[in-house]
C-alpha atoms as a PDB file:
ATOM      1  CA  MET A   1     -20.232   2.446 -26.671  1.00  0.00           C
ATOM      2  CA  LYS A   2     -23.302   4.591 -26.375  1.00  0.00           C
ATOM      3  CA  THR A   3     -22.702   7.752 -24.655  1.00  0.00           C
ATOM      4  CA  LYS A   4     -24.111   6.386 -20.969  1.00  0.00           C
ATOM      5  CA  SER A   5     -22.828   3.280 -21.432  1.00  0.00           C
ATOM      6  CA  LEU A   6     -19.263   5.193 -21.379  1.00  0.00           C
ATOM      7  CA  ALA A   7     -20.316   6.846 -18.140  1.00  0.00           C
ATOM      8  CA  THR A   8     -21.455   4.665 -16.464  1.00  0.00           C
ATOM      9  CA  PHE A   9     -18.364   2.563 -17.435  1.00  0.00           C
ATOM     10  CA  ASN A  10     -15.607   5.374 -17.197  1.00  0.00           C
ATOM     11  CA  HIS A  11     -17.545   5.957 -13.574  1.00  0.00           C
ATOM     12  CA  ARG A  12     -17.207   2.383 -12.208  1.00  0.00           C
ATOM     13  CA  ILE A  13     -14.064   1.852 -13.536  1.00  0.00           C
ATOM     14  CA  SER A  14     -11.990   4.910 -12.273  1.00  0.00           C
ATOM     15  CA  LEU A  15     -13.623   3.668  -8.752  1.00  0.00           C
ATOM     16  CA  LEU A  16     -12.133   0.537  -9.181  1.00  0.00           C
ATOM     17  CA  ASN A  17      -9.097   2.502 -10.020  1.00  0.00           C
ATOM     18  CA  LEU A  18      -8.792   3.984  -7.720  1.00  0.00           C
ATOM     19  CA  ILE A  19      -9.803   1.346  -4.920  1.00  0.00           C
ATOM     20  CA  ALA A  20      -7.029  -0.536  -6.737  1.00  0.00           C
ATOM     21  CA  GLN A  21      -3.848   2.162  -6.445  1.00  0.00           C
ATOM     22  CA  SER A  22      -4.463   2.223  -2.836  1.00  0.00           C
ATOM     23  CA  GLY A  23      -5.365  -1.436  -1.675  1.00  0.00           C
ATOM     24  CA  ILE A  24      -1.542  -2.664  -2.915  1.00  0.00           C
ATOM     25  CA  ILE A  25      -0.641   0.589  -0.820  1.00  0.00           C
ATOM     26  CA  VAL A  26      -1.972  -1.931   2.060  1.00  0.00           C
ATOM     27  CA  THR A  27      -0.529  -5.203   1.093  1.00  0.00           C
ATOM     28  CA  GLY A  28       2.623  -3.514   0.009  1.00  0.00           C
ATOM     29  CA  ALA A  29       2.733  -2.334   3.892  1.00  0.00           C
ATOM     30  CA  ILE A  30       1.469  -6.292   5.314  1.00  0.00           C
ATOM     31  CA  VAL A  31       4.723  -7.646   3.014  1.00  0.00           C
ATOM     32  CA  ARG A  32       7.294  -5.285   4.371  1.00  0.00           C
ATOM     33  CA  LEU A  33       5.543  -5.615   8.574  1.00  0.00           C
ATOM     34  CA  THR A  34       5.341  -9.141   8.160  1.00  0.00           C
ATOM     35  CA  GLY A  35       8.991  -9.396   6.718  1.00  0.00           C
ATOM     36  CA  SER A  36       8.304 -10.264   3.518  1.00  0.00           C
ATOM     37  CA  GLY A  37      10.216  -8.008   1.877  1.00  0.00           C
ATOM     38  CA  LEU A  38      12.762 -10.549   0.212  1.00  0.00           C
ATOM     39  CA  GLY A  39      10.274 -12.587  -0.078  1.00  0.00           C
ATOM     40  CA  CYS A  40      11.407 -13.056  -3.823  1.00  0.00           C
ATOM     41  CA  PRO A  41      15.455 -11.931  -3.106  1.00  0.00           C
ATOM     42  CA  THR A  42      15.049 -11.303  -7.344  1.00  0.00           C
ATOM     43  CA  TRP A  43      13.528  -9.630  -9.477  1.00  0.00           C
ATOM     44  CA  PRO A  44      11.364 -10.028 -12.085  1.00  0.00           C
ATOM     45  CA  ASP A  45      11.927 -13.228 -10.896  1.00  0.00           C
ATOM     46  CA  CYS A  46      11.069 -14.811  -7.541  1.00  0.00           C
ATOM     47  CA  ALA A  47      13.887 -17.436  -7.221  1.00  0.00           C
ATOM     48  CA  PRO A  48      16.998 -17.593  -9.330  1.00  0.00           C
ATOM     49  CA  GLY A  49      15.473 -18.623 -12.791  1.00  0.00           C
ATOM     50  CA  SER A  50      11.754 -19.037 -11.817  1.00  0.00           C
ATOM     51  CA  LEU A  51       9.358 -16.361 -12.002  1.00  0.00           C
ATOM     52  CA  LEU A  52       7.218 -18.601  -9.651  1.00  0.00           C
ATOM     53  CA  PRO A  53       8.302 -19.146  -6.169  1.00  0.00           C
ATOM     54  CA  VAL A  54       9.772 -23.430  -6.075  1.00  0.00           C
ATOM     55  CA  ALA A  55       9.774 -25.432  -3.425  1.00  0.00           C
ATOM     56  CA  GLY A  56      13.181 -25.271  -0.537  1.00  0.00           C
ATOM     57  CA  GLN A  57      13.860 -21.448  -0.747  1.00  0.00           C
ATOM     58  CA  ILE A  58      14.823 -20.573   1.962  1.00  0.00           C
ATOM     59  CA  GLU A  59      11.911 -17.738   1.852  1.00  0.00           C
ATOM     60  CA  GLY A  60       9.325 -20.243   3.621  1.00  0.00           C
ATOM     61  CA  PHE A  61       5.819 -18.671   3.678  1.00  0.00           C
ATOM     62  CA  HIS A  62       7.404 -15.079   3.076  1.00  0.00           C
ATOM     63  CA  LYS A  63       7.787 -15.782  -0.554  1.00  0.00           C
ATOM     64  CA  PHE A  64       4.249 -16.134  -1.226  1.00  0.00           C
ATOM     65  CA  ILE A  65       3.577 -12.861   0.361  1.00  0.00           C
ATOM     66  CA  GLU A  66       5.494 -11.418  -1.866  1.00  0.00           C
ATOM     67  CA  PHE A  67       5.011 -12.665  -4.831  1.00  0.00           C
ATOM     68  CA  GLY A  68       0.943 -12.391  -3.897  1.00  0.00           C
ATOM     69  CA  ASN A  69       1.619  -8.489  -3.864  1.00  0.00           C
ATOM     70  CA  ARG A  70       3.579  -8.851  -6.742  1.00  0.00           C
ATOM     71  CA  LEU A  71       0.860 -10.367  -8.930  1.00  0.00           C
ATOM     72  CA  LEU A  72      -1.842  -7.247  -7.353  1.00  0.00           C
ATOM     73  CA  THR A  73       0.850  -4.887  -9.800  1.00  0.00           C
ATOM     74  CA  PHE A  74      -0.900  -7.409 -12.589  1.00  0.00           C
ATOM     75  CA  VAL A  75      -4.742  -6.137 -11.240  1.00  0.00           C
ATOM     76  CA  VAL A  76      -3.590  -2.902 -10.644  1.00  0.00           C
ATOM     77  CA  LEU A  77      -2.500  -2.801 -14.339  1.00  0.00           C
ATOM     78  CA  ALA A  78      -4.946  -3.754 -15.962  1.00  0.00           C
ATOM     79  CA  PHE A  79      -8.022  -0.714 -14.009  1.00  0.00           C
ATOM     80  CA  ALA A  80      -5.186   1.617 -15.133  1.00  0.00           C
ATOM     81  CA  LEU A  81      -4.743   0.651 -19.184  1.00  0.00           C
ATOM     82  CA  ALA A  82      -8.680   0.127 -18.915  1.00  0.00           C
ATOM     83  CA  LEU A  83      -9.451   3.728 -17.102  1.00  0.00           C
ATOM     84  CA  PHE A  84      -7.229   4.917 -19.385  1.00  0.00           C
ATOM     85  CA  ILE A  85      -8.907   3.079 -22.759  1.00  0.00           C
ATOM     86  CA  GLY A  86     -12.291   4.784 -21.248  1.00  0.00           C
ATOM     87  CA  ALA A  87     -10.263   8.361 -21.062  1.00  0.00           C
ATOM     88  CA  LEU A  88      -9.906   7.406 -24.701  1.00  0.00           C
ATOM     89  CA  LEU A  89     -13.440   6.889 -25.514  1.00  0.00           C
ATOM     90  CA  HIS A  90     -14.443  10.021 -23.979  1.00  0.00           C
ATOM     91  CA  LYS A  91     -15.442  13.091 -25.703  1.00  0.00           C
ATOM     92  CA  LYS A  92     -13.551  15.614 -23.576  1.00  0.00           C
ATOM     93  CA  ARG A  93      -9.600  15.029 -23.740  1.00  0.00           C
ATOM     94  CA  ASN A  94      -8.722  17.101 -20.730  1.00  0.00           C
ATOM     95  CA  ILE A  95      -9.329  13.705 -18.691  1.00  0.00           C
ATOM     96  CA  LEU A  96      -6.783  11.600 -20.983  1.00  0.00           C
ATOM     97  CA  TYR A  97      -3.468  13.540 -19.842  1.00  0.00           C
ATOM     98  CA  TRP A  98      -4.865  12.762 -16.107  1.00  0.00           C
ATOM     99  CA  SER A  99      -5.977   9.113 -17.009  1.00  0.00           C
ATOM    100  CA  ALA A 100      -2.060   8.409 -18.506  1.00  0.00           C
ATOM    101  CA  ILE A 101      -0.720   8.563 -15.057  1.00  0.00           C
ATOM    102  CA  PRO A 102      -2.204   5.896 -13.327  1.00  0.00           C
ATOM    103  CA  LEU A 103      -1.137   3.828 -16.466  1.00  0.00           C
ATOM    104  CA  ILE A 104       2.397   5.258 -16.665  1.00  0.00           C
ATOM    105  CA  GLY A 105       2.522   5.403 -12.755  1.00  0.00           C
ATOM    106  CA  THR A 106       2.404   1.373 -12.258  1.00  0.00           C
ATOM    107  CA  ILE A 107       4.416   0.373 -15.168  1.00  0.00           C
ATOM    108  CA  PHE A 108       7.148   2.737 -13.219  1.00  0.00           C
ATOM    109  CA  GLN A 109       5.952   1.387 -10.150  1.00  0.00           C
ATOM    110  CA  ALA A 110       7.016  -2.296 -10.844  1.00  0.00           C
ATOM    111  CA  VAL A 111      10.241  -0.814 -11.986  1.00  0.00           C
ATOM    112  CA  LEU A 112      10.574   1.070  -8.689  1.00  0.00           C
ATOM    113  CA  GLY A 113       9.967  -2.000  -6.807  1.00  0.00           C
ATOM    114  CA  GLY A 114      12.273  -4.194  -8.327  1.00  0.00           C
ATOM    115  CA  ILE A 115      15.059  -1.773  -7.617  1.00  0.00           C
ATOM    116  CA  THR A 116      13.459  -1.731  -3.896  1.00  0.00           C
ATOM    117  CA  VAL A 117      14.220  -5.381  -3.833  1.00  0.00           C
ATOM    118  CA  LEU A 118      17.690  -5.244  -5.879  1.00  0.00           C
ATOM    119  CA  THR A 119      18.898  -2.495  -3.072  1.00  0.00           C
ATOM    120  CA  GLY A 120      17.736  -4.810  -0.269  1.00  0.00           C
ATOM    121  CA  LEU A 121      15.295  -2.518   0.402  1.00  0.00           C
ATOM    122  CA  ASN A 122      17.264   0.342   0.972  1.00  0.00           C
ATOM    123  CA  PRO A 123      14.918   2.767   3.219  1.00  0.00           C
ATOM    124  CA  LEU A 124      15.069   6.081   0.293  1.00  0.00           C
ATOM    125  CA  THR A 125      13.757   2.995  -2.135  1.00  0.00           C
ATOM    126  CA  VAL A 126      11.047   1.838  -0.035  1.00  0.00           C
ATOM    127  CA  MET A 127       9.937   5.025   0.977  1.00  0.00           C
ATOM    128  CA  ALA A 128      10.149   6.854  -2.755  1.00  0.00           C
ATOM    129  CA  HIS A 129       8.364   3.860  -3.304  1.00  0.00           C
ATOM    130  CA  PHE A 130       5.310   4.815  -1.121  1.00  0.00           C
ATOM    131  CA  LEU A 131       5.067   8.356  -1.726  1.00  0.00           C
ATOM    132  CA  VAL A 132       4.911   7.418  -5.621  1.00  0.00           C
ATOM    133  CA  SER A 133       1.764   5.700  -4.855  1.00  0.00           C
ATOM    134  CA  ILE A 134       0.723   8.337  -2.556  1.00  0.00           C
ATOM    135  CA  LEU A 135       0.797  10.536  -5.572  1.00  0.00           C
ATOM    136  CA  LEU A 136      -1.370   8.300  -8.039  1.00  0.00           C
ATOM    137  CA  VAL A 137      -4.084   7.547  -5.442  1.00  0.00           C
ATOM    138  CA  GLY A 138      -4.787  11.476  -5.447  1.00  0.00           C
ATOM    139  CA  VAL A 139      -4.722  11.843  -9.228  1.00  0.00           C
ATOM    140  CA  SER A 140      -7.046   8.719  -9.072  1.00  0.00           C
ATOM    141  CA  VAL A 141      -9.715  10.787  -6.717  1.00  0.00           C
ATOM    142  CA  LYS A 142      -9.286  13.769  -8.813  1.00  0.00           C
ATOM    143  CA  ILE A 143     -10.271  11.442 -11.962  1.00  0.00           C
ATOM    144  CA  PHE A 144     -12.960  10.111 -10.321  1.00  0.00           C
ATOM    145  CA  ASP A 145     -14.506  12.782  -9.108  1.00  0.00           C
ATOM    146  CA  TYR A 146     -14.265  14.162 -12.600  1.00  0.00           C
ATOM    147  CA  PHE A 147     -16.223  10.785 -13.893  1.00  0.00           C
ATOM    148  CA  SER A 148     -18.642  11.366 -10.938  1.00  0.00           C
ATOM    149  CA  GLY A 149     -20.084  14.605 -11.516  1.00  0.00           C
ATOM    150  CA  GLY A 150     -18.159  16.391  -9.532  1.00  0.00           C
ATOM    151  CA  LYS A 151     -18.219  20.225  -9.479  1.00  0.00           C
ATOM    152  CA  PRO A 152     -17.608  22.929  -6.886  1.00  0.00           C
ATOM    153  CA  GLU A 153     -20.670  24.929  -5.042  1.00  0.00           C
ATOM    154  CA  ILE A 154     -19.289  28.813  -5.706  1.00  0.00           C
ATOM    155  CA  VAL A 155     -15.500  30.323  -6.649  1.00  0.00           C
ATOM    156  CA  LEU A 156     -13.449  30.017  -2.991  1.00  0.00           C
ATOM    157  CA  PRO A 157     -12.660  33.655  -1.523  1.00  0.00           C
ATOM    158  CA  LYS A 158      -8.216  33.712  -2.265  1.00  0.00           C
ATOM    159  CA  ILE A 159      -7.506  33.744   0.966  1.00  0.00           C
ATOM    160  CA  ILE A 160      -9.727  30.267   1.935  1.00  0.00           C
ATOM    161  CA  ASN A 161      -8.269  29.040  -0.655  1.00  0.00           C
ATOM    162  CA  THR A 162      -4.691  29.685  -0.471  1.00  0.00           C
ATOM    163  CA  TYR A 163      -5.417  28.039   3.182  1.00  0.00           C
ATOM    164  CA  ILE A 164      -6.934  25.098   1.458  1.00  0.00           C
ATOM    165  CA  VAL A 165      -4.203  24.482  -0.682  1.00  0.00           C
ATOM    166  CA  PHE A 166      -1.601  25.091   2.219  1.00  0.00           C
ATOM    167  CA  LEU A 167      -3.287  22.676   4.299  1.00  0.00           C
ATOM    168  CA  THR A 168      -3.165  20.176   1.666  1.00  0.00           C
ATOM    169  CA  LEU A 169       1.012  20.453   1.415  1.00  0.00           C
ATOM    170  CA  ILE A 170       0.597  20.147   5.288  1.00  0.00           C
ATOM    171  CA  GLY A 171      -1.604  17.172   4.889  1.00  0.00           C
ATOM    172  CA  PHE A 172       1.717  15.543   2.443  1.00  0.00           C
ATOM    173  CA  VAL A 173       4.246  16.604   4.542  1.00  0.00           C
ATOM    174  CA  VAL A 174       2.701  14.421   7.402  1.00  0.00           C
ATOM    175  CA  ILE A 175       2.675  11.550   5.413  1.00  0.00           C
ATOM    176  CA  VAL A 176       6.686  12.081   4.548  1.00  0.00           C
ATOM    177  CA  LEU A 177       7.177  12.399   7.600  1.00  0.00           C
ATOM    178  CA  GLY A 178       5.156   9.601   8.712  1.00  0.00           C
ATOM    179  CA  THR A 179       6.992   7.245   5.847  1.00  0.00           C
ATOM    180  CA  ILE A 180      10.350   8.403   7.337  1.00  0.00           C
ATOM    181  CA  THR A 181       9.314   7.431  10.595  1.00  0.00           C
ATOM    182  CA  THR A 182       8.591   3.776   9.497  1.00  0.00           C
ATOM    183  CA  GLY A 183      11.936   3.926   7.455  1.00  0.00           C
ATOM    184  CA  SER A 184      13.445   4.277  11.101  1.00  0.00           C
ATOM    185  CA  GLY A 185      11.872   1.700  12.795  1.00  0.00           C
ATOM    186  CA  PRO A 186      11.276  -1.941  14.027  1.00  0.00           C
ATOM    187  CA  HIS A 187       9.251  -2.940  10.444  1.00  0.00           C
ATOM    188  CA  SER A 188      12.502  -2.993   7.813  1.00  0.00           C
ATOM    189  CA  GLY A 189      11.091  -6.007   5.763  1.00  0.00           C
ATOM    190  CA  ASP A 190      13.704  -8.128   6.153  1.00  0.00           C
ATOM    191  CA  GLU A 191      16.337  -8.911   8.850  1.00  0.00           C
ATOM    192  CA  ILE A 192      19.275  -7.455   6.552  1.00  0.00           C
ATOM    193  CA  ALA A 193      17.343  -4.435   5.625  1.00  0.00           C
ATOM    194  CA  ALA A 194      19.019  -0.882   6.239  1.00  0.00           C
ATOM    195  CA  ARG A 195      16.997   1.726   8.334  1.00  0.00           C
ATOM    196  CA  PHE A 196      17.696   5.645   7.987  1.00  0.00           C
ATOM    197  CA  ASN A 197      20.045   6.424  10.665  1.00  0.00           C
ATOM    198  CA  LEU A 198      17.878   8.244  12.474  1.00  0.00           C
ATOM    199  CA  ASP A 199      16.530   8.322  16.533  1.00  0.00           C
ATOM    200  CA  ILE A 200      12.510   6.901  15.983  1.00  0.00           C
ATOM    201  CA  ARG A 201      11.371   8.431  19.372  1.00  0.00           C
ATOM    202  CA  ALA A 202      12.006  11.025  18.197  1.00  0.00           C
ATOM    203  CA  MET A 203      10.852  10.870  14.703  1.00  0.00           C
ATOM    204  CA  ALA A 204       8.089  10.422  16.207  1.00  0.00           C
ATOM    205  CA  VAL A 205       7.580  12.736  17.974  1.00  0.00           C
ATOM    206  CA  ILE A 206       8.134  15.302  15.121  1.00  0.00           C
ATOM    207  CA  HIS A 207       5.472  13.588  13.256  1.00  0.00           C
ATOM    208  CA  ALA A 208       3.483  13.390  15.721  1.00  0.00           C
ATOM    209  CA  ASP A 209       3.746  17.675  16.535  1.00  0.00           C
ATOM    210  CA  SER A 210       2.578  17.737  12.243  1.00  0.00           C
ATOM    211  CA  VAL A 211      -0.599  15.893  12.341  1.00  0.00           C
ATOM    212  CA  TRP A 212      -0.904  18.467  15.290  1.00  0.00           C
ATOM    213  CA  LEU A 213      -0.447  20.985  13.065  1.00  0.00           C
ATOM    214  CA  PHE A 214      -2.543  19.749  10.641  1.00  0.00           C
ATOM    215  CA  ILE A 215      -5.288  18.828  13.219  1.00  0.00           C
ATOM    216  CA  GLY A 216      -5.437  22.506  14.254  1.00  0.00           C
ATOM    217  CA  LEU A 217      -5.930  23.898  10.814  1.00  0.00           C
ATOM    218  CA  VAL A 218      -8.669  21.330   9.597  1.00  0.00           C
ATOM    219  CA  VAL A 219     -10.530  22.575  13.139  1.00  0.00           C
ATOM    220  CA  GLY A 220      -9.215  26.233  11.671  1.00  0.00           C
ATOM    221  CA  LEU A 221     -10.892  25.617   7.913  1.00  0.00           C
ATOM    222  CA  PHE A 222     -14.340  23.566   9.863  1.00  0.00           C
ATOM    223  CA  VAL A 223     -14.988  26.664  11.789  1.00  0.00           C
ATOM    224  CA  ILE A 224     -14.557  28.828   8.996  1.00  0.00           C
ATOM    225  CA  THR A 225     -16.601  26.679   6.521  1.00  0.00           C
ATOM    226  CA  THR A 226     -19.529  26.856  10.136  1.00  0.00           C
ATOM    227  CA  ILE A 227     -18.962  30.623   9.846  1.00  0.00           C
ATOM    228  CA  ASN A 228     -20.151  30.787   5.791  1.00  0.00           C
ATOM    229  CA  ALA A 229     -23.317  28.789   5.160  1.00  0.00           C
ATOM    230  CA  ARG A 230     -22.369  29.002   1.321  1.00  0.00           C
ATOM    231  CA  LEU A 231     -19.682  26.546   2.139  1.00  0.00           C
ATOM    232  CA  LYS A 232     -22.228  22.888   3.082  1.00  0.00           C
ATOM    233  CA  THR A 233     -19.928  21.202   0.511  1.00  0.00           C
ATOM    234  CA  LEU A 234     -16.487  22.144   1.716  1.00  0.00           C
ATOM    235  CA  ARG A 235     -17.717  21.905   5.618  1.00  0.00           C
ATOM    236  CA  LYS A 236     -18.877  18.780   4.904  1.00  0.00           C
ATOM    237  CA  ASN A 237     -15.757  18.180   3.072  1.00  0.00           C
ATOM    238  CA  THR A 238     -13.379  19.164   6.275  1.00  0.00           C
ATOM    239  CA  LYS A 239     -15.913  17.611   8.786  1.00  0.00           C
ATOM    240  CA  ILE A 240     -15.700  14.105   7.550  1.00  0.00           C
ATOM    241  CA  LEU A 241     -11.795  15.251   6.618  1.00  0.00           C
ATOM    242  CA  LEU A 242     -11.429  15.712  10.387  1.00  0.00           C
ATOM    243  CA  LEU A 243     -13.046  12.711  12.276  1.00  0.00           C
ATOM    244  CA  ILE A 244     -10.643  10.554  10.129  1.00  0.00           C
ATOM    245  CA  CYS A 245      -7.624  12.144  11.211  1.00  0.00           C
ATOM    246  CA  LEU A 246      -9.113  11.699  14.902  1.00  0.00           C
ATOM    247  CA  ALA A 247      -9.710   8.013  14.513  1.00  0.00           C
ATOM    248  CA  GLN A 248      -6.049   7.945  12.623  1.00  0.00           C
ATOM    249  CA  GLY A 249      -4.324   9.607  15.465  1.00  0.00           C
ATOM    250  CA  PHE A 250      -5.881   7.157  17.652  1.00  0.00           C
ATOM    251  CA  ILE A 251      -4.648   4.525  16.390  1.00  0.00           C
ATOM    252  CA  GLY A 252      -1.178   6.410  15.875  1.00  0.00           C
ATOM    253  CA  TYR A 253      -0.790   6.735  19.977  1.00  0.00           C
ATOM    254  CA  LEU A 254      -2.020   3.452  20.342  1.00  0.00           C
ATOM    255  CA  GLN A 255       0.679   1.589  17.541  1.00  0.00           C
ATOM    256  CA  TRP A 256       3.638   3.560  19.821  1.00  0.00           C
ATOM    257  CA  PHE A 257       2.344   2.684  23.253  1.00  0.00           C
ATOM    258  CA  THR A 258       2.055  -0.783  22.239  1.00  0.00           C
ATOM    259  CA  SER A 259       5.545  -1.142  21.070  1.00  0.00           C
ATOM    260  CA  LEU A 260       3.906  -0.767  17.274  1.00  0.00           C
ATOM    261  CA  PRO A 261       2.493  -4.635  16.739  1.00  0.00           C
ATOM    262  CA  TRP A 262       2.255  -5.208  13.024  1.00  0.00           C
ATOM    263  CA  VAL A 263      -1.269  -5.425  12.850  1.00  0.00           C
ATOM    264  CA  LEU A 264      -2.119  -2.179  14.506  1.00  0.00           C
ATOM    265  CA  VAL A 265       0.907  -0.775  11.510  1.00  0.00           C
ATOM    266  CA  ALA A 266      -0.580  -1.784   8.913  1.00  0.00           C
ATOM    267  CA  PHE A 267      -3.860  -0.382   9.925  1.00  0.00           C
ATOM    268  CA  HIS A 268      -2.337   3.461  10.108  1.00  0.00           C
ATOM    269  CA  VAL A 269      -1.029   2.565   6.905  1.00  0.00           C
ATOM    270  CA  LEU A 270      -4.421   2.323   5.527  1.00  0.00           C
ATOM    271  CA  GLY A 271      -5.361   4.726   8.065  1.00  0.00           C
ATOM    272  CA  ALA A 272      -3.183   7.559   6.132  1.00  0.00           C
ATOM    273  CA  VAL A 273      -4.615   6.181   2.794  1.00  0.00           C
ATOM    274  CA  ILE A 274      -8.326   7.078   3.968  1.00  0.00           C
ATOM    275  CA  THR A 275      -6.729  10.180   5.075  1.00  0.00           C
ATOM    276  CA  TRP A 276      -5.023  11.127   1.991  1.00  0.00           C
ATOM    277  CA  ILE A 277      -8.245  10.471  -0.169  1.00  0.00           C
ATOM    278  CA  ALA A 278     -10.351  12.609   2.002  1.00  0.00           C
ATOM    279  CA  ILE A 279      -7.564  15.997   1.759  1.00  0.00           C
ATOM    280  CA  ILE A 280      -7.866  14.931  -1.903  1.00  0.00           C
ATOM    281  CA  PHE A 281     -11.732  15.692  -2.030  1.00  0.00           C
ATOM    282  CA  LEU A 282     -11.089  18.638  -0.477  1.00  0.00           C
ATOM    283  CA  ALA A 283      -8.343  19.817  -2.626  1.00  0.00           C
ATOM    284  CA  LEU A 284     -10.481  19.678  -5.609  1.00  0.00           C
ATOM    285  CA  ASN A 285     -12.412  22.333  -3.975  1.00  0.00           C
ATOM    286  CA  SER A 286      -9.577  24.673  -4.546  1.00  0.00           C
ATOM    287  CA  ASN A 287      -8.655  26.925  -8.112  1.00  0.00           C
ATOM    288  CA  ASN A 288      -5.251  25.432  -7.346  1.00  0.00           C
ATOM    289  CA  PRO A 289      -4.158  24.596 -11.238  1.00  0.00           C
ATOM    290  CA  VAL A 290      -2.957  21.191  -9.677  1.00  0.00           C
ATOM    291  CA  LEU A 291      -5.269  20.387  -7.548  1.00  0.00           C
ATOM    292  CA  LYS A 292      -8.556  21.687  -8.429  1.00  0.00           C
ATOM    293  CA  ARG A 293     -11.037  19.438  -9.830  1.00  0.00           C
ATOM    294  CA  LEU A 294     -11.690  19.026 -13.869  1.00  0.00           C
ATOM    295  CA  LYS A 295     -14.077  20.395 -15.905  1.00  0.00           C
END
């Protein structure tokens, strides 16, 4: 494959991989929010003795929703495999190790999804399933940025670099708290599924407080980048993140005060994924060895 054609392929497949890794989080949430978490009550079969849904299953339409999400795993796996093959053909080796993570992670997620079903949607396994996907999305952003030719504009001062690393950490904590809050709420994925033995209102308040802390940090970074005229790209990324956070916060409060309708909760999950993508794009400006963009 010619160098230019390979570069185009890697750029496109890295974008498709990012979309797929993000999309399956949302479809997985829809499975849970529609009470279809045990639509296929066994794994890897959908029904005892059959990989496919069968007529007469007591799960009704839920079997199709859960089975559809399982099929999407193969789409995600195909993009992850194509990404890894493209990285193998790439002239630089540093991208190869990172491109292996979505492939290995997707296979691991399939197994973890099976464990989630076999444990009757234990909230800890559901939470782990979601958070592993979030981490895979973060890695996918890093890979996409690499194949898009992303470059830092300047070497950041140490204090700003530390600020960004801390902001990224708090952003992840916000997502974790949001997952625990969801795991304490009404959308368990099935009527028989267990929930965290936590007060949903208390968890919602803690989650909301963490959100406001995070937004405050984002506002602080926006002020810093506005003062420093050299940080144009960082300021742009911070502004985008701030706008996304405000929209996500609005959806969060709206869903709470309307008794958590599943459609709004689904949009909130989508917003969480978009927020995380924006956080990682921001974090790529740092000098942290894990977060910084690949060269």
